[in-house]
PDB file of all heavy atoms in Angstrom:
ATOM      1  N   LYS A   1      90.411 118.742  95.092  1.00  0.00           N
ATOM      2  CA  LYS A   1      89.489 119.754  95.638  1.00  0.00           C
ATOM      3  C   LYS A   1      88.325 119.990  94.679  1.00  0.00           C
ATOM      4  O   LYS A   1      87.165 120.100  95.107  1.00  0.00           O
ATOM      5  CB  LYS A   1      90.270 121.053  95.882  1.00  0.00           C
ATOM      6  CG  LYS A   1      89.470 122.160  96.552  1.00  0.00           C
ATOM      7  CD  LYS A   1      89.171 121.832  97.988  1.00  0.00           C
ATOM      8  CE  LYS A   1      88.424 122.953  98.700  1.00  0.00           C
ATOM      9  NZ  LYS A   1      89.251 124.155  98.926  1.00  0.00           N
ATOM     10  N   ASP A   2      88.605 120.031  93.399  1.00  0.00           N
ATOM     11  CA  ASP A   2      87.541 120.200  92.403  1.00  0.00           C
ATOM     12  C   ASP A   2      86.561 119.026  92.421  1.00  0.00           C
ATOM     13  O   ASP A   2      85.382 119.188  92.091  1.00  0.00           O
ATOM     14  CB  ASP A   2      88.138 120.344  91.002  1.00  0.00           C
ATOM     15  CG  ASP A   2      88.868 121.667  90.802  1.00  0.00           C
ATOM     16  OD1 ASP A   2      88.629 122.603  91.602  1.00  0.00           O
ATOM     17  OD2 ASP A   2      89.670 121.763  89.857  1.00  0.00           O
ATOM     18  N   ASP A   3      87.050 117.854  92.794  1.00  0.00           N
ATOM     19  CA  ASP A   3      86.198 116.668  92.856  1.00  0.00           C
ATOM     20  C   ASP A   3      85.291 116.656  94.087  1.00  0.00           C
ATOM     21  O   ASP A   3      84.437 115.775  94.217  1.00  0.00           O
ATOM     22  CB  ASP A   3      87.058 115.395  92.864  1.00  0.00           C
ATOM     23  CG  ASP A   3      87.712 115.122  91.519  1.00  0.00           C
ATOM     24  OD1 ASP A   3      87.181 115.587  90.488  1.00  0.00           O
ATOM     25  OD2 ASP A   3      88.766 114.439  91.498  1.00  0.00           O
ATOM     26  N   GLY A   4      85.499 117.591  95.000  1.00  0.00           N
ATOM     27  CA  GLY A   4      84.685 117.650  96.202  1.00  0.00           C
ATOM     28  C   GLY A   4      85.368 117.113  97.432  1.00  0.00           C
ATOM     29  O   GLY A   4      84.774 117.054  98.506  1.00  0.00           O
ATOM     30  N   ILE A   5      86.618 116.698  97.300  1.00  0.00           N
ATOM     31  CA  ILE A   5      87.388 116.180  98.433  1.00  0.00           C
ATOM     32  C   ILE A   5      87.973 117.361  99.207  1.00  0.00           C
ATOM     33  O   ILE A   5      88.661 118.203  98.626  1.00  0.00           O
ATOM     34  CB  ILE A   5      88.517 115.252  97.931  1.00  0.00           C
ATOM     35  CG1 ILE A   5      87.911 114.001  97.295  1.00  0.00           C
ATOM     36  CG2 ILE A   5      89.473 114.882  99.058  1.00  0.00           C
ATOM     37  CD1 ILE A   5      88.912 113.138  96.550  1.00  0.00           C
ATOM     38  N   ASN A   6      87.709 117.417 100.502  1.00  0.00           N
ATOM     39  CA  ASN A   6      88.250 118.532 101.290  1.00  0.00           C
ATOM     40  C   ASN A   6      89.160 118.044 102.414  1.00  0.00           C
ATOM     41  O   ASN A   6      89.508 118.807 103.308  1.00  0.00           O
ATOM     42  CB  ASN A   6      87.129 119.405 101.855  1.00  0.00           C
ATOM     43  CG  ASN A   6      86.380 118.751 103.010  1.00  0.00           C
ATOM     44  OD1 ASN A   6      86.471 117.535 103.217  1.00  0.00           O
ATOM     45  ND2 ASN A   6      85.622 119.544 103.755  1.00  0.00           N
ATOM     46  N   ALA A   7      89.535 116.762 102.349  1.00  0.00           N
ATOM     47  CA  ALA A   7      90.405 116.198 103.382  1.00  0.00           C
ATOM     48  C   ALA A   7      91.293 115.137 102.760  1.00  0.00           C
ATOM     49  O   ALA A   7      90.803 114.264 102.036  1.00  0.00           O
ATOM     50  CB  ALA A   7      89.571 115.593 104.512  1.00  0.00           C
ATOM     51  N   VAL A   8      92.589 115.207 103.041  1.00  0.00           N
ATOM     52  CA  VAL A   8      93.517 114.213 102.509  1.00  0.00           C
ATOM     53  C   VAL A   8      94.400 113.680 103.632  1.00  0.00           C
ATOM     54  O   VAL A   8      94.755 114.409 104.564  1.00  0.00           O
ATOM     55  CB  VAL A   8      94.418 114.780 101.379  1.00  0.00           C
ATOM     56  CG1 VAL A   8      93.600 115.098 100.141  1.00  0.00           C
ATOM     57  CG2 VAL A   8      95.186 116.005 101.857  1.00  0.00           C
ATOM     58  N   ARG A   9      94.701 112.413 103.538  1.00  0.00           N
ATOM     59  CA  ARG A   9      95.650 111.783 104.464  1.00  0.00           C
ATOM     60  C   ARG A   9      96.940 111.561 103.682  1.00  0.00           C
ATOM     61  O   ARG A   9      96.921 110.954 102.606  1.00  0.00           O
ATOM     62  CB  ARG A   9      95.088 110.465 104.979  1.00  0.00           C
ATOM     63  CG  ARG A   9      95.964 109.724 106.002  1.00  0.00           C
ATOM     64  CD  ARG A   9      95.142 108.594 106.602  1.00  0.00           C
ATOM     65  NE  ARG A   9      95.871 107.746 107.541  1.00  0.00           N
ATOM     66  CZ  ARG A   9      96.364 106.541 107.240  1.00  0.00           C
ATOM     67  NH1 ARG A   9      96.219 106.041 106.002  1.00  0.00           N
ATOM     68  NH2 ARG A   9      96.981 105.816 108.149  1.00  0.00           N
ATOM     69  N   ILE A  10      98.028 112.079 104.236  1.00  0.00           N
ATOM     70  CA  ILE A  10      99.331 111.969 103.578  1.00  0.00           C
ATOM     71  C   ILE A  10     100.218 111.103 104.453  1.00  0.00           C
ATOM     72  O   ILE A  10     100.898 111.596 105.362  1.00  0.00           O
ATOM     73  CB  ILE A  10      99.956 113.360 103.354  1.00  0.00           C
ATOM     74  CG1 ILE A  10      99.022 114.233 102.496  1.00  0.00           C
ATOM     75  CG2 ILE A  10     101.326 113.239 102.692  1.00  0.00           C
ATOM     76  CD1 ILE A  10      99.525 115.655 102.290  1.00  0.00           C
ATOM     77  N   PRO A  11     100.206 109.784 104.245  1.00  0.00           N
ATOM     78  CA  PRO A  11     101.045 108.894 105.055  1.00  0.00           C
ATOM     79  C   PRO A  11     102.523 109.197 104.822  1.00  0.00           C
ATOM     80  O   PRO A  11     102.941 109.427 103.682  1.00  0.00           O
ATOM     81  CB  PRO A  11     100.679 107.496 104.554  1.00  0.00           C
ATOM     82  CG  PRO A  11      99.383 107.668 103.791  1.00  0.00           C
ATOM     83  CD  PRO A  11      99.441 109.049 103.238  1.00  0.00           C
ATOM     84  N   VAL A  12     103.304 109.166 105.897  1.00  0.00           N
ATOM     85  CA  VAL A  12     104.740 109.463 105.798  1.00  0.00           C
ATOM     86  C   VAL A  12     105.534 108.404 106.555  1.00  0.00           C
ATOM     87  O   VAL A  12     105.226 108.084 107.701  1.00  0.00           O
ATOM     88  CB  VAL A  12     105.081 110.851 106.382  1.00  0.00           C
ATOM     89  CG1 VAL A  12     106.561 111.166 106.134  1.00  0.00           C
ATOM     90  CG2 VAL A  12     104.193 111.943 105.780  1.00  0.00           C
ATOM     91  N   THR A  13     106.540 107.852 105.898  1.00  0.00           N
ATOM     92  CA  THR A  13     107.471 106.926 106.543  1.00  0.00           C
ATOM     93  C   THR A  13     108.806 107.635 106.726  1.00  0.00           C
ATOM     94  O   THR A  13     109.322 108.253 105.800  1.00  0.00           O
ATOM     95  CB  THR A  13     107.644 105.652 105.705  1.00  0.00           C
ATOM     96  OG1 THR A  13     106.366 105.021 105.555  1.00  0.00           O
ATOM     97  CG2 THR A  13     108.606 104.675 106.374  1.00  0.00           C
ATOM     98  N   TRP A  14     109.356 107.520 107.919  1.00  0.00           N
ATOM     99  CA  TRP A  14     110.534 108.306 108.289  1.00  0.00           C
ATOM    100  C   TRP A  14     111.805 107.469 108.391  1.00  0.00           C
ATOM    101  O   TRP A  14     112.913 108.002 108.449  1.00  0.00           O
ATOM    102  CB  TRP A  14     110.285 109.017 109.623  1.00  0.00           C
ATOM    103  CG  TRP A  14     109.029 109.816 109.626  1.00  0.00           C
ATOM    104  CD1 TRP A  14     107.776 109.386 109.988  1.00  0.00           C
ATOM    105  CD2 TRP A  14     108.881 111.185 109.204  1.00  0.00           C
ATOM    106  NE1 TRP A  14     106.861 110.405 109.826  1.00  0.00           N
ATOM    107  CE2 TRP A  14     107.505 111.523 109.352  1.00  0.00           C
ATOM    108  CE3 TRP A  14     109.779 112.150 108.732  1.00  0.00           C
ATOM    109  CZ2 TRP A  14     107.013 112.784 109.042  1.00  0.00           C
ATOM    110  CZ3 TRP A  14     109.283 113.405 108.429  1.00  0.00           C
ATOM    111  CH2 TRP A  14     107.928 113.712 108.575  1.00  0.00           C
ATOM    112  N   ARG A  15     111.696 106.160 108.410  1.00  0.00           N
ATOM    113  CA  ARG A  15     112.797 105.287 108.810  1.00  0.00           C
ATOM    114  C   ARG A  15     114.024 105.355 107.901  1.00  0.00           C
ATOM    115  O   ARG A  15     115.132 105.119 108.370  1.00  0.00           O
ATOM    116  CB  ARG A  15     112.299 103.843 108.902  1.00  0.00           C
ATOM    117  CG  ARG A  15     111.923 103.182 107.599  1.00  0.00           C
ATOM    118  CD  ARG A  15     111.066 101.949 107.843  1.00  0.00           C
ATOM    119  NE  ARG A  15     111.233 100.933 106.807  1.00  0.00           N
ATOM    120  CZ  ARG A  15     110.478  99.853 106.704  1.00  0.00           C
ATOM    121  NH1 ARG A  15     109.497  99.647 107.582  1.00  0.00           N
ATOM    122  NH2 ARG A  15     110.699  98.968 105.757  1.00  0.00           N
ATOM    123  N   ASP A  16     113.874 105.684 106.620  1.00  0.00           N
ATOM    124  CA  ASP A  16     115.025 105.790 105.718  1.00  0.00           C
ATOM    125  C   ASP A  16     115.606 107.193 105.682  1.00  0.00           C
ATOM    126  O   ASP A  16     116.491 107.469 104.863  1.00  0.00           O
ATOM    127  CB  ASP A  16     114.628 105.377 104.297  1.00  0.00           C
ATOM    128  CG  ASP A  16     114.336 103.896 104.180  1.00  0.00           C
ATOM    129  OD1 ASP A  16     115.156 103.094 104.676  1.00  0.00           O
ATOM    130  OD2 ASP A  16     113.293 103.532 103.609  1.00  0.00           O
ATOM    131  N   HIS A  17     115.147 108.071 106.565  1.00  0.00           N
ATOM    132  CA  HIS A  17     115.541 109.480 106.519  1.00  0.00           C
ATOM    133  C   HIS A  17     116.029 109.975 107.876  1.00  0.00           C
ATOM    134  O   HIS A  17     115.919 111.163 108.192  1.00  0.00           O
ATOM    135  CB  HIS A  17     114.368 110.330 106.030  1.00  0.00           C
ATOM    136  CG  HIS A  17     113.749 109.826 104.767  1.00  0.00           C
ATOM    137  ND1 HIS A  17     114.309 110.031 103.527  1.00  0.00           N
ATOM    138  CD2 HIS A  17     112.638 109.055 104.567  1.00  0.00           C
ATOM    139  CE1 HIS A  17     113.562 109.447 102.612  1.00  0.00           C
ATOM    140  NE2 HIS A  17     112.546 108.837 103.211  1.00  0.00           N
ATOM    141  N   LEU A  18     116.570 109.059 108.687  1.00  0.00           N
ATOM    142  CA  LEU A  18     117.050 109.387 110.021  1.00  0.00           C
ATOM    143  C   LEU A  18     118.544 109.144 110.134  1.00  0.00           C
ATOM    144  O   LEU A  18     119.057 108.146 109.600  1.00  0.00           O
ATOM    145  CB  LEU A  18     116.335 108.529 111.068  1.00  0.00           C
ATOM    146  CG  LEU A  18     114.808 108.590 111.110  1.00  0.00           C
ATOM    147  CD1 LEU A  18     114.263 107.532 112.068  1.00  0.00           C
ATOM    148  CD2 LEU A  18     114.327 109.980 111.518  1.00  0.00           C
ATOM    149  N   ASP A  19     119.256 110.025 110.841  1.00  0.00           N
ATOM    150  CA  ASP A  19     120.658 109.751 111.108  1.00  0.00           C
ATOM    151  C   ASP A  19     120.765 108.976 112.420  1.00  0.00           C
ATOM    152  O   ASP A  19     119.748 108.612 113.033  1.00  0.00           O
ATOM    153  CB  ASP A  19     121.491 111.034 111.130  1.00  0.00           C
ATOM    154  CG  ASP A  19     121.135 111.986 112.272  1.00  0.00           C
ATOM    155  OD1 ASP A  19     120.439 111.564 113.240  1.00  0.00           O
ATOM    156  OD2 ASP A  19     121.541 113.169 112.220  1.00  0.00           O
ATOM    157  N   LYS A  20     121.965 108.738 112.872  1.00  0.00           N
ATOM    158  CA  LYS A  20     122.169 107.903 114.063  1.00  0.00           C
ATOM    159  C   LYS A  20     121.585 108.541 115.319  1.00  0.00           C
ATOM    160  O   LYS A  20     121.347 107.849 116.310  1.00  0.00           O
ATOM    161  CB  LYS A  20     123.665 107.623 114.257  1.00  0.00           C
ATOM    162  CG  LYS A  20     124.528 108.846 114.477  1.00  0.00           C
ATOM    163  CD  LYS A  20     125.996 108.464 114.639  1.00  0.00           C
ATOM    164  CE  LYS A  20     126.878 109.694 114.831  1.00  0.00           C
ATOM    165  NZ  LYS A  20     126.542 110.453 116.040  1.00  0.00           N
ATOM    166  N   ASP A  21     121.357 109.852 115.285  1.00  0.00           N
ATOM    167  CA  ASP A  21     120.786 110.544 116.426  1.00  0.00           C
ATOM    168  C   ASP A  21     119.289 110.811 116.238  1.00  0.00           C
ATOM    169  O   ASP A  21     118.698 111.619 116.967  1.00  0.00           O
ATOM    170  CB  ASP A  21     121.515 111.871 116.657  1.00  0.00           C
ATOM    171  CG  ASP A  21     122.980 111.661 117.009  1.00  0.00           C
ATOM    172  OD1 ASP A  21     123.265 110.760 117.826  1.00  0.00           O
ATOM    173  OD2 ASP A  21     123.838 112.383 116.453  1.00  0.00           O
ATOM    174  N   ASN A  22     118.707 110.137 115.264  1.00  0.00           N
ATOM    175  CA  ASN A  22     117.268 110.261 114.969  1.00  0.00           C
ATOM    176  C   ASN A  22     116.861 111.634 114.458  1.00  0.00           C
ATOM    177  O   ASN A  22     115.696 112.042 114.594  1.00  0.00           O
ATOM    178  CB  ASN A  22     116.430 109.894 116.201  1.00  0.00           C
ATOM    179  CG  ASN A  22     116.644 108.461 116.633  1.00  0.00           C
ATOM    180  OD1 ASN A  22     116.655 107.544 115.820  1.00  0.00           O
ATOM    181  ND2 ASN A  22     116.822 108.252 117.936  1.00  0.00           N
ATOM    182  N   ASN A  23     117.813 112.341 113.860  1.00  0.00           N
ATOM    183  CA  ASN A  23     117.476 113.601 113.203  1.00  0.00           C
ATOM    184  C   ASN A  23     116.934 113.313 111.811  1.00  0.00           C
ATOM    185  O   ASN A  23     117.510 112.512 111.063  1.00  0.00           O
ATOM    186  CB  ASN A  23     118.711 114.500 113.092  1.00  0.00           C
ATOM    187  CG  ASN A  23     119.242 114.904 114.450  1.00  0.00           C
ATOM    188  OD1 ASN A  23     118.504 115.413 115.288  1.00  0.00           O
ATOM    189  ND2 ASN A  23     120.530 114.675 114.675  1.00  0.00           N
ATOM    190  N   ILE A  24     115.831 113.952 111.451  1.00  0.00           N
ATOM    191  CA  ILE A  24     115.230 113.753 110.135  1.00  0.00           C
ATOM    192  C   ILE A  24     116.006 114.546 109.094  1.00  0.00           C
ATOM    193  O   ILE A  24     116.323 115.725 109.292  1.00  0.00           O
ATOM    194  CB  ILE A  24     113.749 114.203 110.135  1.00  0.00           C
ATOM    195  CG1 ILE A  24     112.946 113.402 111.164  1.00  0.00           C
ATOM    196  CG2 ILE A  24     113.131 114.052 108.742  1.00  0.00           C
ATOM    197  CD1 ILE A  24     111.558 113.955 111.424  1.00  0.00           C
ATOM    198  N   ASP A  25     116.311 113.888 107.978  1.00  0.00           N
ATOM    199  CA  ASP A  25     117.002 114.548 106.876  1.00  0.00           C
ATOM    200  C   ASP A  25     116.238 115.805 106.454  1.00  0.00           C
ATOM    201  O   ASP A  25     115.019 115.756 106.246  1.00  0.00           O
ATOM    202  CB  ASP A  25     117.125 113.580 105.695  1.00  0.00           C
ATOM    203  CG  ASP A  25     117.764 114.224 104.485  1.00  0.00           C
ATOM    204  OD1 ASP A  25     118.982 114.397 104.479  1.00  0.00           O
ATOM    205  OD2 ASP A  25     117.017 114.568 103.535  1.00  0.00           O
ATOM    206  N   SER A  26     116.940 116.916 106.330  1.00  0.00           N
ATOM    207  CA  SER A  26     116.268 118.193 106.057  1.00  0.00           C
ATOM    208  C   SER A  26     115.563 118.194 104.705  1.00  0.00           C
ATOM    209  O   SER A  26     114.480 118.781 104.559  1.00  0.00           O
ATOM    210  CB  SER A  26     117.275 119.348 106.131  1.00  0.00           C
ATOM    211  OG  SER A  26     118.324 119.173 105.189  1.00  0.00           O
ATOM    212  N   ASP A  27     116.151 117.537 103.696  1.00  0.00           N
ATOM    213  CA  ASP A  27     115.509 117.492 102.385  1.00  0.00           C
ATOM    214  C   ASP A  27     114.177 116.752 102.446  1.00  0.00           C
ATOM    215  O   ASP A  27     113.203 117.143 101.798  1.00  0.00           O
ATOM    216  CB  ASP A  27     116.424 116.824 101.355  1.00  0.00           C
ATOM    217  CG  ASP A  27     117.616 117.684 100.979  1.00  0.00           C
ATOM    218  OD1 ASP A  27     117.553 118.912 101.225  1.00  0.00           O
ATOM    219  OD2 ASP A  27     118.602 117.147 100.443  1.00  0.00           O
ATOM    220  N   TRP A  28     114.145 115.667 103.233  1.00  0.00           N
ATOM    221  CA  TRP A  28     112.905 114.905 103.361  1.00  0.00           C
ATOM    222  C   TRP A  28     111.840 115.710 104.103  1.00  0.00           C
ATOM    223  O   TRP A  28     110.688 115.779 103.682  1.00  0.00           O
ATOM    224  CB  TRP A  28     113.172 113.585 104.073  1.00  0.00           C
ATOM    225  CG  TRP A  28     111.962 112.692 104.160  1.00  0.00           C
ATOM    226  CD1 TRP A  28     111.277 112.345 105.277  1.00  0.00           C
ATOM    227  CD2 TRP A  28     111.305 112.032 103.058  1.00  0.00           C
ATOM    228  NE1 TRP A  28     110.224 111.511 104.959  1.00  0.00           N
ATOM    229  CE2 TRP A  28     110.222 111.305 103.600  1.00  0.00           C
ATOM    230  CE3 TRP A  28     111.528 111.995 101.684  1.00  0.00           C
ATOM    231  CZ2 TRP A  28     109.358 110.545 102.812  1.00  0.00           C
ATOM    232  CZ3 TRP A  28     110.664 111.237 100.891  1.00  0.00           C
ATOM    233  CH2 TRP A  28     109.602 110.529 101.455  1.00  0.00           C
ATOM    234  N   MET A  29     112.221 116.332 105.196  1.00  0.00           N
ATOM    235  CA  MET A  29     111.265 117.144 105.934  1.00  0.00           C
ATOM    236  C   MET A  29     110.740 118.288 105.075  1.00  0.00           C
ATOM    237  O   MET A  29     109.535 118.605 105.093  1.00  0.00           O
ATOM    238  CB  MET A  29     111.898 117.689 107.214  1.00  0.00           C
ATOM    239  CG  MET A  29     110.958 118.532 108.066  1.00  0.00           C
ATOM    240  SD  MET A  29     109.606 117.582 108.804  1.00  0.00           S
ATOM    241  CE  MET A  29     110.346 117.144 110.391  1.00  0.00           C
ATOM    242  N   ASP A  30     111.621 118.912 104.302  1.00  0.00           N
ATOM    243  CA  ASP A  30     111.188 119.993 103.415  1.00  0.00           C
ATOM    244  C   ASP A  30     110.175 119.488 102.394  1.00  0.00           C
ATOM    245  O   ASP A  30     109.191 120.168 102.087  1.00  0.00           O
ATOM    246  CB  ASP A  30     112.387 120.597 102.684  1.00  0.00           C
ATOM    247  CG  ASP A  30     113.282 121.416 103.596  1.00  0.00           C
ATOM    248  OD1 ASP A  30     112.858 121.729 104.727  1.00  0.00           O
ATOM    249  OD2 ASP A  30     114.423 121.714 103.184  1.00  0.00           O
ATOM    250  N   ARG A  31     110.429 118.295 101.859  1.00  0.00           N
ATOM    251  CA  ARG A  31     109.517 117.752 100.852  1.00  0.00           C
ATOM    252  C   ARG A  31     108.162 117.388 101.476  1.00  0.00           C
ATOM    253  O   ARG A  31     107.113 117.636 100.874  1.00  0.00           O
ATOM    254  CB  ARG A  31     110.143 116.531 100.177  1.00  0.00           C
ATOM    255  CG  ARG A  31     109.249 115.880  99.120  1.00  0.00           C
ATOM    256  CD  ARG A  31     108.806 116.859  98.043  1.00  0.00           C
ATOM    257  NE  ARG A  31     107.955 116.195  97.048  1.00  0.00           N
ATOM    258  CZ  ARG A  31     107.127 116.833  96.222  1.00  0.00           C
ATOM    259  NH1 ARG A  31     107.040 118.158  96.252  1.00  0.00           N
ATOM    260  NH2 ARG A  31     106.396 116.157  95.352  1.00  0.00           N
ATOM    261  N   VAL A  32     108.187 116.808 102.654  1.00  0.00           N
ATOM    262  CA  VAL A  32     106.927 116.512 103.348  1.00  0.00           C
ATOM    263  C   VAL A  32     106.136 117.804 103.535  1.00  0.00           C
ATOM    264  O   VAL A  32     104.926 117.860 103.246  1.00  0.00           O
ATOM    265  CB  VAL A  32     107.193 115.837 104.705  1.00  0.00           C
ATOM    266  CG1 VAL A  32     105.898 115.747 105.519  1.00  0.00           C
ATOM    267  CG2 VAL A  32     107.782 114.445 104.501  1.00  0.00           C
ATOM    268  N   GLN A  33     106.800 118.856 103.981  1.00  0.00           N
ATOM    269  CA  GLN A  33     106.104 120.126 104.181  1.00  0.00           C
ATOM    270  C   GLN A  33     105.567 120.682 102.861  1.00  0.00           C
ATOM    271  O   GLN A  33     104.449 121.217 102.808  1.00  0.00           O
ATOM    272  CB  GLN A  33     107.027 121.145 104.840  1.00  0.00           C
ATOM    273  CG  GLN A  33     106.324 122.460 105.145  1.00  0.00           C
ATOM    274  CD  GLN A  33     107.197 123.428 105.927  1.00  0.00           C
ATOM    275  OE1 GLN A  33     108.408 123.276 105.991  1.00  0.00           O
ATOM    276  NE2 GLN A  33     106.560 124.428 106.530  1.00  0.00           N
ATOM    277  N   GLU A  34     106.342 120.547 101.798  1.00  0.00           N
ATOM    278  CA  GLU A  34     105.903 121.042 100.498  1.00  0.00           C
ATOM    279  C   GLU A  34     104.607 120.349 100.054  1.00  0.00           C
ATOM    280  O   GLU A  34     103.668 120.999  99.585  1.00  0.00           O
ATOM    281  CB  GLU A  34     107.005 120.813  99.461  1.00  0.00           C
ATOM    282  CG  GLU A  34     106.696 121.382  98.083  1.00  0.00           C
ATOM    283  CD  GLU A  34     107.867 121.261  97.128  1.00  0.00           C
ATOM    284  OE1 GLU A  34     108.641 120.275  97.241  1.00  0.00           O
ATOM    285  OE2 GLU A  34     108.015 122.132  96.250  1.00  0.00           O
ATOM    286  N   VAL A  35     104.548 119.038 100.222  1.00  0.00           N
ATOM    287  CA  VAL A  35     103.358 118.300  99.816  1.00  0.00           C
ATOM    288  C   VAL A  35     102.177 118.637 100.725  1.00  0.00           C
ATOM    289  O   VAL A  35     101.044 118.801 100.261  1.00  0.00           O
ATOM    290  CB  VAL A  35     103.630 116.785  99.798  1.00  0.00           C
ATOM    291  CG1 VAL A  35     102.361 116.008  99.459  1.00  0.00           C
ATOM    292  CG2 VAL A  35     104.715 116.457  98.762  1.00  0.00           C
ATOM    293  N   VAL A  36     102.432 118.732 102.022  1.00  0.00           N
ATOM    294  CA  VAL A  36     101.375 119.158 102.940  1.00  0.00           C
ATOM    295  C   VAL A  36     100.815 120.507 102.495  1.00  0.00           C
ATOM    296  O   VAL A  36      99.589 120.715 102.459  1.00  0.00           O
ATOM    297  CB  VAL A  36     101.905 119.247 104.385  1.00  0.00           C
ATOM    298  CG1 VAL A  36     100.920 120.008 105.277  1.00  0.00           C
ATOM    299  CG2 VAL A  36     102.166 117.852 104.949  1.00  0.00           C
ATOM    300  N   ASP A  37     101.693 121.425 102.122  1.00  0.00           N
ATOM    301  CA  ASP A  37     101.258 122.765 101.726  1.00  0.00           C
ATOM    302  C   ASP A  37     100.414 122.762 100.457  1.00  0.00           C
ATOM    303  O   ASP A  37      99.559 123.638 100.270  1.00  0.00           O
ATOM    304  CB  ASP A  37     102.462 123.686 101.544  1.00  0.00           C
ATOM    305  CG  ASP A  37     103.090 124.105 102.859  1.00  0.00           C
ATOM    306  OD1 ASP A  37     102.453 123.875 103.904  1.00  0.00           O
ATOM    307  OD2 ASP A  37     104.223 124.633 102.842  1.00  0.00           O
ATOM    308  N   TYR A  38     100.648 121.793  99.572  1.00  0.00           N
ATOM    309  CA  TYR A  38      99.813 121.700  98.379  1.00  0.00           C
ATOM    310  C   TYR A  38      98.336 121.630  98.766  1.00  0.00           C
ATOM    311  O   TYR A  38      97.477 122.253  98.144  1.00  0.00           O
ATOM    312  CB  TYR A  38     100.151 120.440  97.571  1.00  0.00           C
ATOM    313  CG  TYR A  38     101.493 120.438  96.887  1.00  0.00           C
ATOM    314  CD1 TYR A  38     102.100 119.215  96.553  1.00  0.00           C
ATOM    315  CD2 TYR A  38     102.159 121.613  96.543  1.00  0.00           C
ATOM    316  CE1 TYR A  38     103.326 119.177  95.911  1.00  0.00           C
ATOM    317  CE2 TYR A  38     103.391 121.589  95.904  1.00  0.00           C
ATOM    318  CZ  TYR A  38     103.972 120.361  95.592  1.00  0.00           C
ATOM    319  OH  TYR A  38     105.188 120.317  94.955  1.00  0.00           O
ATOM    320  N   ALA A  39      98.042 120.815  99.764  1.00  0.00           N
ATOM    321  CA  ALA A  39      96.651 120.636 100.201  1.00  0.00           C
ATOM    322  C   ALA A  39      96.226 121.716 101.190  1.00  0.00           C
ATOM    323  O   ALA A  39      95.133 122.273 101.092  1.00  0.00           O
ATOM    324  CB  ALA A  39      96.481 119.252 100.824  1.00  0.00           C
ATOM    325  N   TYR A  40      97.085 122.010 102.147  1.00  0.00           N
ATOM    326  CA  TYR A  40      96.765 122.975 103.206  1.00  0.00           C
ATOM    327  C   TYR A  40      96.442 124.347 102.617  1.00  0.00           C
ATOM    328  O   TYR A  40      95.537 125.042 103.091  1.00  0.00           O
ATOM    329  CB  TYR A  40      97.944 123.054 104.165  1.00  0.00           C
ATOM    330  CG  TYR A  40      97.735 123.930 105.369  1.00  0.00           C
ATOM    331  CD1 TYR A  40      97.108 123.432 106.516  1.00  0.00           C
ATOM    332  CD2 TYR A  40      98.179 125.251 105.390  1.00  0.00           C
ATOM    333  CE1 TYR A  40      96.924 124.238 107.634  1.00  0.00           C
ATOM    334  CE2 TYR A  40      98.003 126.059 106.499  1.00  0.00           C
ATOM    335  CZ  TYR A  40      97.378 125.540 107.614  1.00  0.00           C
ATOM    336  OH  TYR A  40      97.196 126.346 108.715  1.00  0.00           O
ATOM    337  N   SER A  41      97.163 124.743 101.568  1.00  0.00           N
ATOM    338  CA  SER A  41      96.943 126.048 100.946  1.00  0.00           C
ATOM    339  C   SER A  41      95.590 126.130 100.247  1.00  0.00           C
ATOM    340  O   SER A  41      95.117 127.222  99.921  1.00  0.00           O
ATOM    341  CB  SER A  41      98.062 126.354  99.940  1.00  0.00           C
ATOM    342  OG  SER A  41      98.026 125.438  98.855  1.00  0.00           O
ATOM    343  N   LEU A  42      94.968 124.973 100.037  1.00  0.00           N
ATOM    344  CA  LEU A  42      93.645 124.930  99.420  1.00  0.00           C
ATOM    345  C   LEU A  42      92.538 124.826 100.463  1.00  0.00           C
ATOM    346  O   LEU A  42      91.388 124.522 100.134  1.00  0.00           O
ATOM    347  CB  LEU A  42      93.559 123.730  98.467  1.00  0.00           C
ATOM    348  CG  LEU A  42      94.501 123.762  97.254  1.00  0.00           C
ATOM    349  CD1 LEU A  42      94.453 122.423  96.517  1.00  0.00           C
ATOM    350  CD2 LEU A  42      94.124 124.897  96.315  1.00  0.00           C
ATOM    351  N   ASP A  43      92.878 125.071 101.721  1.00  0.00           N
ATOM    352  CA  ASP A  43      91.930 124.978 102.834  1.00  0.00           C
ATOM    353  C   ASP A  43      91.406 123.562 103.033  1.00  0.00           C
ATOM    354  O   ASP A  43      90.273 123.365 103.491  1.00  0.00           O
ATOM    355  CB  ASP A  43      90.743 125.946 102.656  1.00  0.00           C
ATOM    356  CG  ASP A  43      91.162 127.408 102.765  1.00  0.00           C
ATOM    357  OD1 ASP A  43      92.219 127.660 103.369  1.00  0.00           O
ATOM    358  OD2 ASP A  43      90.449 128.281 102.246  1.00  0.00           O
ATOM    359  N   MET A  44      92.218 122.579 102.686  1.00  0.00           N
ATOM    360  CA  MET A  44      91.839 121.191 102.915  1.00  0.00           C
ATOM    361  C   MET A  44      92.336 120.751 104.287  1.00  0.00           C
ATOM    362  O   MET A  44      93.341 121.251 104.784  1.00  0.00           O
ATOM    363  CB  MET A  44      92.439 120.288 101.831  1.00  0.00           C
ATOM    364  CG  MET A  44      92.014 120.635 100.420  1.00  0.00           C
ATOM    365  SD  MET A  44      92.875 119.648  99.162  1.00  0.00           S
ATOM    366  CE  MET A  44      91.862 118.163  99.164  1.00  0.00           C
TER     367      MET A  44
END
């Protein structure tokens, strides 16, 4: 943000974090949200 960047793309791969019913592992989803929040909280 200090560098002038106000938009970030956070690519996410889900295939190693799914159970047999295609439920996303809660720890992985939590971490994705945490990283998203790093940028989102800065109005990016």
